[in-house]
Amino acid sequence: MYIAAITQDLHLAKSCKLDKDNKFVIRTDATDLAYLVSVKDCILIRSNYRNPLTAVFKRSPDRKNKALSRSIELDDLPQRFTGDAALALIEQCSRWRGEDKKPRQMHPNSLANLRPLSKGCKALPRYYRAPVELAERACQLRTMGHSLKAIGDTLDLSDKQVKYLLEGSLTSAKNKRVCADVAPASESPPNLVSLVYSATN
């Protein structure tokens, strides 16, 4: 099925294809047809052919009744729309954004692993593991009076990473929650510490 825009001097301005649900295959076709109808005063013809002006329609066989002889068959009869009816047809055939999207499906095991967030936590915790030597070096630089930026430039870390590396168990001003969690020896090597906090970025 096609919707063709025909100008006043009987020329094809644009032809748009419809899918099996009578929706535009290309979403921007609705905007183009609305412009042609409202500004260029074009008429819309819905038919089974891309160009109804040059199409060869299926016709009935010759009959004694001249009115019914060689007439276009009903299933191949084109429809003509003008003005508000044409704009209503465009709106009916428009495919709105997200209309054809299906809801996301999750595996039952994944749903079982989900847990609700705490009241003070706006994001899931992120786990960072840093060597003990790195944490000790950061503490030494901090006691010597270096700023967080200077420590980050020295250790190749960001300011926020240095902040959580130093403060550990203190409360974050943004999240109201920062906790330090040292993993057991069976889960983590002895030279690693796990810093757990809720990051907002």
Protein backbone atom coordinates (compact mmCIF):
# COMPACT_ATOMS: atom_id res chain seq x y z
CA MET A 1 0.00 0.00 0.00
CA TYR A 2 1.20 3.50 -0.90
CA ILE A 3 0.16 7.08 -0.17
CA ALA A 4 0.97 9.45 -3.03
CA ALA A 5 0.88 13.25 -2.91
CA ILE A 6 -0.42 14.73 -6.20
CA THR A 7 -0.02 18.42 -7.04
CA GLN A 8 -2.74 20.62 -8.54
CA ASP A 9 -1.23 20.24 -12.03
CA LEU A 10 -1.39 16.41 -11.70
CA HIS A 11 2.25 15.62 -10.97
CA LEU A 12 3.59 13.15 -8.43
CA ALA A 13 5.19 15.11 -5.58
CA LYS A 14 6.00 12.22 -3.20
CA SER A 15 5.06 8.60 -2.72
CA CYS A 16 5.34 6.87 0.66
CA LYS A 17 5.14 3.16 1.37
CA LEU A 18 3.06 1.67 4.18
CA ASP A 19 3.82 -1.53 6.05
CA LYS A 20 1.41 -4.36 6.86
CA ASP A 21 -0.01 -2.32 9.79
CA ASN A 22 -0.75 0.66 7.50
CA LYS A 23 2.03 2.68 9.10
CA PHE A 24 4.74 4.66 7.34
CA VAL A 25 7.88 2.64 6.79
CA ILE A 26 9.95 5.83 7.07
CA ARG A 27 8.88 7.97 10.04
CA THR A 28 9.80 11.29 8.39
CA ASP A 29 7.36 10.68 5.52
CA ALA A 30 4.52 11.96 7.71
CA THR A 31 6.20 15.38 8.04
CA ASP A 32 6.83 15.64 4.31
CA LEU A 33 3.25 14.76 3.39
CA ALA A 34 1.82 17.17 5.96
CA TYR A 35 3.91 19.96 4.46
CA LEU A 36 2.77 19.13 0.91
CA VAL A 37 -0.90 19.07 1.95
CA SER A 38 -0.94 22.19 4.12
CA VAL A 39 1.45 24.40 2.09
CA LYS A 40 1.40 23.08 -1.49
CA ASP A 41 -2.33 22.13 -1.46
CA CYS A 42 -1.62 18.62 -2.65
CA ILE A 43 -4.14 15.80 -2.55
CA LEU A 44 -3.40 12.34 -1.19
CA ILE A 45 -4.26 9.12 -3.00
CA ARG A 46 -4.00 5.78 -1.20
CA SER A 47 -3.64 2.87 -3.58
CA ASN A 48 -1.71 -0.33 -4.25
CA TYR A 49 0.68 1.43 -6.62
CA ARG A 50 3.55 3.82 -6.09
CA ASN A 51 2.39 6.22 -8.82
CA PRO A 52 -1.38 6.10 -9.32
CA LEU A 53 -1.14 8.45 -12.32
CA THR A 54 0.69 5.88 -14.45
CA ALA A 55 -0.54 2.67 -12.79
CA VAL A 56 -2.57 0.05 -14.65
CA PHE A 57 -5.45 -0.88 -12.35
CA LYS A 58 -7.19 -4.21 -12.41
CA ARG A 59 -10.49 -3.91 -14.24
CA SER A 60 -13.58 -6.03 -14.56
CA PRO A 61 -14.26 -7.94 -17.82
CA ASP A 62 -16.46 -6.63 -20.57
CA ARG A 63 -20.16 -6.69 -19.77
CA LYS A 64 -23.40 -5.71 -21.45
CA ASN A 65 -23.86 -2.94 -18.88
CA LYS A 66 -21.49 -0.22 -20.02
CA ALA A 67 -21.47 1.36 -16.56
CA LEU A 68 -19.99 -1.83 -15.03
CA SER A 69 -17.88 -2.85 -18.00
CA ARG A 70 -14.12 -2.37 -17.64
CA SER A 71 -14.51 -0.68 -14.24
CA ILE A 72 -11.76 -0.76 -11.59
CA GLU A 73 -12.14 -3.68 -9.20
CA LEU A 74 -13.08 -2.86 -5.62
CA ASP A 75 -9.91 -4.30 -4.06
CA ASP A 76 -7.80 -2.14 -6.40
CA LEU A 77 -9.85 1.06 -6.15
CA PRO A 78 -7.76 4.10 -5.08
CA GLN A 79 -8.96 6.49 -2.36
CA ARG A 80 -8.69 10.28 -2.56
CA PHE A 81 -8.16 12.55 0.47
CA THR A 82 -8.00 16.36 0.63
CA GLY A 83 -7.70 19.01 3.33
CA ASP A 84 -8.46 17.91 6.88
CA ALA A 85 -9.20 14.37 5.75
CA ALA A 86 -5.69 14.13 4.30
CA LEU A 87 -4.13 15.40 7.53
CA ALA A 88 -6.22 12.92 9.52
CA LEU A 89 -4.96 10.12 7.27
CA ILE A 90 -1.36 11.20 7.84
CA GLU A 91 -1.88 11.19 11.61
CA GLN A 92 -3.50 7.78 11.45
CA CYS A 93 -0.60 6.28 9.49
CA SER A 94 2.13 7.96 11.55
CA ARG A 95 4.40 5.79 13.65
CA TRP A 96 5.17 7.55 16.91
CA ARG A 97 8.54 7.14 18.57
CA GLY A 98 8.70 4.03 20.73
CA GLU A 99 5.37 2.68 19.47
CA ASP A 100 6.95 -0.36 17.84
CA LYS A 101 9.27 -1.15 20.77
CA LYS A 102 8.63 -4.24 22.85
CA PRO A 103 9.04 -4.31 26.65
CA ARG A 104 12.39 -5.60 27.82
CA GLN A 105 12.38 -9.15 29.11
CA MET A 106 14.71 -10.37 31.85
CA HIS A 107 15.68 -13.85 32.87
CA PRO A 108 14.03 -15.04 36.13
CA ASN A 109 17.45 -15.64 37.68
CA SER A 110 18.42 -12.03 36.99
CA LEU A 111 15.22 -10.81 38.64
CA ALA A 112 15.96 -12.96 41.68
CA ASN A 113 19.40 -11.37 42.07
CA LEU A 114 18.02 -7.82 42.22
CA ARG A 115 17.95 -6.12 45.61
CA PRO A 116 16.40 -2.78 46.59
CA LEU A 117 18.61 0.23 47.17
CA SER A 118 18.95 1.67 50.64
CA LYS A 119 17.25 4.97 51.43
CA GLY A 120 20.46 6.99 51.50
CA CYS A 121 21.99 5.42 48.39
CA LYS A 122 21.02 6.79 44.98
CA ALA A 123 23.19 4.45 42.92
CA LEU A 124 24.53 0.94 43.16
CA PRO A 125 27.82 0.60 45.04
CA ARG A 126 31.00 0.55 43.00
CA TYR A 127 33.86 -1.60 44.14
CA TYR A 128 37.39 -0.23 43.83
CA ARG A 129 40.45 -2.20 44.82
CA ALA A 130 43.68 -0.38 45.45
CA PRO A 131 47.02 -1.73 46.64
CA VAL A 132 47.89 -1.02 50.29
CA GLU A 133 51.08 0.72 49.17
CA LEU A 134 49.02 3.16 47.06
CA ALA A 135 46.77 4.01 50.01
CA GLU A 136 49.76 4.49 52.32
CA ARG A 137 51.50 6.72 49.74
CA ALA A 138 48.36 8.84 49.42
CA CYS A 139 48.16 9.22 53.21
CA GLN A 140 51.81 10.26 53.37
CA LEU A 141 51.35 12.91 50.69
CA ARG A 142 48.25 14.19 52.45
CA THR A 143 50.05 14.53 55.79
CA MET A 144 52.79 16.48 54.00
CA GLY A 145 50.18 19.07 53.01
CA HIS A 146 49.58 18.17 49.34
CA SER A 147 46.18 18.87 47.83
CA LEU A 148 43.92 16.21 46.37
CA LYS A 149 44.80 17.34 42.85
CA ALA A 150 48.51 17.15 43.55
CA ILE A 151 48.12 13.66 45.01
CA GLY A 152 46.04 12.61 42.02
CA ASP A 153 48.64 13.90 39.57
CA THR A 154 51.36 12.04 41.45
CA LEU A 155 49.48 8.73 41.70
CA ASP A 156 47.68 9.08 38.36
CA LEU A 157 44.24 9.15 40.00
CA SER A 158 41.27 11.48 39.85
CA ASP A 159 40.42 13.86 42.68
CA LYS A 160 37.37 11.83 43.68
CA GLN A 161 39.33 8.59 43.74
CA VAL A 162 41.93 10.18 45.99
CA LYS A 163 39.18 11.56 48.24
CA TYR A 164 37.54 8.18 48.79
CA LEU A 165 40.91 6.52 49.08
CA LEU A 166 41.79 8.82 51.97
CA GLU A 167 38.46 9.29 53.71
CA GLY A 168 37.27 5.69 53.40
CA SER A 169 34.69 5.44 56.16
CA LEU A 170 33.69 9.13 56.27
CA THR A 171 30.32 10.32 55.00
CA SER A 172 30.12 11.75 51.49
CA ALA A 173 28.51 15.16 51.17
CA LYS A 174 26.61 14.15 48.03
CA ASN A 175 25.50 10.61 48.81
CA LYS A 176 25.44 10.78 52.61
CA ARG A 177 26.99 7.38 52.54
CA VAL A 178 30.55 6.14 52.13
CA CYS A 179 31.73 2.92 53.72
CA ALA A 180 35.01 1.06 53.72
CA ASP A 181 34.84 -2.70 53.47
CA VAL A 182 37.91 -4.87 53.87
CA ALA A 183 37.37 -8.21 52.15
CA PRO A 184 38.30 -11.45 53.98
CA ALA A 185 41.64 -13.05 53.24
CA SER A 186 39.97 -15.94 51.44
CA GLU A 187 38.28 -13.57 48.93
CA SER A 188 41.02 -11.02 48.39
CA PRO A 189 44.84 -11.12 48.32
CA PRO A 190 46.49 -9.74 51.50
CA ASN A 191 47.95 -6.75 49.65
CA LEU A 192 44.57 -5.44 48.40
CA VAL A 193 41.89 -3.44 50.16
CA SER A 194 38.38 -2.96 48.86
CA LEU A 195 36.85 0.48 49.02
CA VAL A 196 33.09 0.38 48.63
CA TYR A 197 31.14 3.57 48.07
CA SER A 198 28.15 4.82 46.19
CA ALA A 199 29.23 7.08 43.33
CA THR A 200 26.93 9.65 41.78
CA ASN A 201 28.84 10.14 38.51
